[in-house]
C-alpha cells in the first residue's frame, strides 16, 4: 500500500513561516528549504520508520522526527495505516514537545 502525507494545519503554518523567514535572507533560501522538506517527505513515504522516535512524546502514538538538511528544523510525525501525519515543522532550538497536543 502506498502511503500518503497529511499535515496538521499548524504544521502548514509553521512551514509557511519558516519559508518566509528563509526568504528574508534572499538567494532563494526559502525555495531550497521547501525542496529539502519535500525530499525528507519523499524519504519518509518510502521508509516511514527510518526516523528516530521521540522518547518523551505523549502516550498513545509513536512520534518520530526527521531532520531537514541545512536547517535547524525537524519534521515531527506519526504513522497511520494510510499516511505519514506531520504534526509540526519544529525548530530544534525552541520549546520541545510544544506540538504534543496535536493530532
C-alpha atoms as a PDB file:
ATOM      1  CA  UNK A   1       0.000   0.000   0.000  1.00  0.00           C
ATOM      2  CA  UNK A   2       1.231   3.469  -0.864  1.00  0.00           C
ATOM      3  CA  UNK A   3       1.265   5.944   1.991  1.00  0.00           C
ATOM      4  CA  UNK A   4       0.081   9.499   1.586  1.00  0.00           C
ATOM      5  CA  UNK A   5       1.174  12.534   3.557  1.00  0.00           C
ATOM      6  CA  UNK A   6      -1.083  14.648   5.739  1.00  0.00           C
ATOM      7  CA  UNK A   7      -0.289  17.921   7.500  1.00  0.00           C
ATOM      8  CA  UNK A   8      -1.734  19.269  10.717  1.00  0.00           C
ATOM      9  CA  UNK A   9      -2.933  22.846   9.981  1.00  0.00           C
ATOM     10  CA  UNK A  10      -0.408  24.262  12.462  1.00  0.00           C
ATOM     11  CA  UNK A  11       2.399  22.393  10.687  1.00  0.00           C
ATOM     12  CA  UNK A  12       1.361  24.039   7.411  1.00  0.00           C
ATOM     13  CA  UNK A  13       1.576  27.439   9.117  1.00  0.00           C
ATOM     14  CA  UNK A  14       4.978  26.581  10.580  1.00  0.00           C
ATOM     15  CA  UNK A  15       6.238  25.541   7.157  1.00  0.00           C
ATOM     16  CA  UNK A  16       4.999  28.772   5.596  1.00  0.00           C
ATOM     17  CA  UNK A  17       6.579  30.811   8.421  1.00  0.00           C
ATOM     18  CA  UNK A  18       9.931  29.046   8.028  1.00  0.00           C
ATOM     19  CA  UNK A  19       9.917  29.568   4.256  1.00  0.00           C
ATOM     20  CA  UNK A  20       9.157  33.272   4.750  1.00  0.00           C
ATOM     21  CA  UNK A  21      11.953  33.575   7.294  1.00  0.00           C
ATOM     22  CA  UNK A  22      14.438  31.908   4.947  1.00  0.00           C
ATOM     23  CA  UNK A  23      13.241  34.112   2.081  1.00  0.00           C
ATOM     24  CA  UNK A  24      14.294  37.183   4.071  1.00  0.00           C
ATOM     25  CA  UNK A  25      17.872  36.021   3.624  1.00  0.00           C
ATOM     26  CA  UNK A  26      17.487  36.140  -0.146  1.00  0.00           C
ATOM     27  CA  UNK A  27      19.282  33.837  -2.551  1.00  0.00           C
ATOM     28  CA  UNK A  28      16.216  31.571  -2.883  1.00  0.00           C
ATOM     29  CA  UNK A  29      16.801  30.154   0.592  1.00  0.00           C
ATOM     30  CA  UNK A  30      13.056  29.630   1.150  1.00  0.00           C
ATOM     31  CA  UNK A  31      12.734  27.607  -2.036  1.00  0.00           C
ATOM     32  CA  UNK A  32      15.746  25.490  -1.060  1.00  0.00           C
ATOM     33  CA  UNK A  33      14.232  24.870   2.368  1.00  0.00           C
ATOM     34  CA  UNK A  34      10.957  23.751   0.750  1.00  0.00           C
ATOM     35  CA  UNK A  35      12.904  21.436  -1.571  1.00  0.00           C
ATOM     36  CA  UNK A  36      14.715  19.931   1.421  1.00  0.00           C
ATOM     37  CA  UNK A  37      11.396  19.425   3.235  1.00  0.00           C
ATOM     38  CA  UNK A  38       9.973  17.693   0.150  1.00  0.00           C
ATOM     39  CA  UNK A  39      12.992  15.388  -0.026  1.00  0.00           C
ATOM     40  CA  UNK A  40      12.543  14.419   3.623  1.00  0.00           C
ATOM     41  CA  UNK A  41       8.851  13.727   2.982  1.00  0.00           C
ATOM     42  CA  UNK A  42       9.711  11.573  -0.049  1.00  0.00           C
ATOM     43  CA  UNK A  43      12.159   9.593   2.091  1.00  0.00           C
ATOM     44  CA  UNK A  44       9.559   9.137   4.839  1.00  0.00           C
ATOM     45  CA  UNK A  45       6.970   7.913   2.351  1.00  0.00           C
ATOM     46  CA  UNK A  46       9.439   5.299   1.167  1.00  0.00           C
ATOM     47  CA  UNK A  47      10.898   4.400   4.593  1.00  0.00           C
ATOM     48  CA  UNK A  48       8.366   5.654   7.158  1.00  0.00           C
ATOM     49  CA  UNK A  49      10.045   4.091  10.182  1.00  0.00           C
ATOM     50  CA  UNK A  50      13.539   5.332   9.320  1.00  0.00           C
ATOM     51  CA  UNK A  51      13.480   8.394  11.588  1.00  0.00           C
ATOM     52  CA  UNK A  52      14.183   8.361  15.304  1.00  0.00           C
ATOM     53  CA  UNK A  53      11.351   8.024  17.777  1.00  0.00           C
ATOM     54  CA  UNK A  54      10.759  10.781  20.317  1.00  0.00           C
ATOM     55  CA  UNK A  55      11.123   9.203  23.759  1.00  0.00           C
ATOM     56  CA  UNK A  56       9.233  11.800  25.831  1.00  0.00           C
ATOM     57  CA  UNK A  57       6.291  12.125  23.431  1.00  0.00           C
ATOM     58  CA  UNK A  58       2.749  11.693  24.720  1.00  0.00           C
ATOM     59  CA  UNK A  59       1.480   8.164  25.174  1.00  0.00           C
ATOM     60  CA  UNK A  60      -0.817   6.633  22.609  1.00  0.00           C
ATOM     61  CA  UNK A  61       1.249   7.318  19.471  1.00  0.00           C
ATOM     62  CA  UNK A  62       4.781   6.726  18.352  1.00  0.00           C
ATOM     63  CA  UNK A  63       6.087  10.109  17.251  1.00  0.00           C
ATOM     64  CA  UNK A  64       9.207  10.380  15.132  1.00  0.00           C
ATOM     65  CA  UNK A  65      11.338  13.283  13.957  1.00  0.00           C
ATOM     66  CA  UNK A  66      13.378  13.708  10.806  1.00  0.00           C
ATOM     67  CA  UNK A  67      15.966  16.444  10.355  1.00  0.00           C
ATOM     68  CA  UNK A  68      15.563  18.840   7.452  1.00  0.00           C
ATOM     69  CA  UNK A  69      19.060  19.200   5.950  1.00  0.00           C
ATOM     70  CA  UNK A  70      20.775  22.597   6.001  1.00  0.00           C
ATOM     71  CA  UNK A  71      18.414  23.911   8.685  1.00  0.00           C
ATOM     72  CA  UNK A  72      17.522  23.806  12.374  1.00  0.00           C
ATOM     73  CA  UNK A  73      14.133  22.236  11.647  1.00  0.00           C
ATOM     74  CA  UNK A  74      12.715  18.771  12.053  1.00  0.00           C
ATOM     75  CA  UNK A  75       9.546  17.181  10.742  1.00  0.00           C
ATOM     76  CA  UNK A  76       7.610  15.663  13.632  1.00  0.00           C
ATOM     77  CA  UNK A  77       5.211  12.943  12.538  1.00  0.00           C
ATOM     78  CA  UNK A  78       3.410   9.738  13.358  1.00  0.00           C
ATOM     79  CA  UNK A  79       2.224   6.902  11.164  1.00  0.00           C
ATOM     80  CA  UNK A  80      -1.206   5.515  10.473  1.00  0.00           C
ATOM     81  CA  UNK A  81      -2.023   2.587   8.205  1.00  0.00           C
ATOM     82  CA  UNK A  82      -2.571   5.009   5.319  1.00  0.00           C
ATOM     83  CA  UNK A  83      -0.457   8.083   5.994  1.00  0.00           C
ATOM     84  CA  UNK A  84       2.539   9.891   7.370  1.00  0.00           C
ATOM     85  CA  UNK A  85       0.883  12.570   9.535  1.00  0.00           C
ATOM     86  CA  UNK A  86       3.128  15.607  10.001  1.00  0.00           C
ATOM     87  CA  UNK A  87       2.154  17.423  13.183  1.00  0.00           C
ATOM     88  CA  UNK A  88       4.950  20.020  13.323  1.00  0.00           C
ATOM     89  CA  UNK A  89       7.783  21.666  11.472  1.00  0.00           C
ATOM     90  CA  UNK A  90       9.686  22.178  14.700  1.00  0.00           C
ATOM     91  CA  UNK A  91      12.756  24.345  15.230  1.00  0.00           C
ATOM     92  CA  UNK A  92      15.197  22.189  17.166  1.00  0.00           C
ATOM     93  CA  UNK A  93      16.314  25.034  19.462  1.00  0.00           C
ATOM     94  CA  UNK A  94      12.854  26.071  20.608  1.00  0.00           C
ATOM     95  CA  UNK A  95      10.298  24.656  23.036  1.00  0.00           C
ATOM     96  CA  UNK A  96      10.460  20.864  22.908  1.00  0.00           C
ATOM     97  CA  UNK A  97       7.169  18.972  22.700  1.00  0.00           C
ATOM     98  CA  UNK A  98       5.070  22.139  22.186  1.00  0.00           C
ATOM     99  CA  UNK A  99       3.233  20.192  19.481  1.00  0.00           C
ATOM    100  CA  UNK A 100       2.314  17.271  21.756  1.00  0.00           C
ATOM    101  CA  UNK A 101      -1.405  18.133  21.867  1.00  0.00           C
ATOM    102  CA  UNK A 102      -1.790  17.930  18.091  1.00  0.00           C
ATOM    103  CA  UNK A 103      -3.413  15.017  16.371  1.00  0.00           C
END
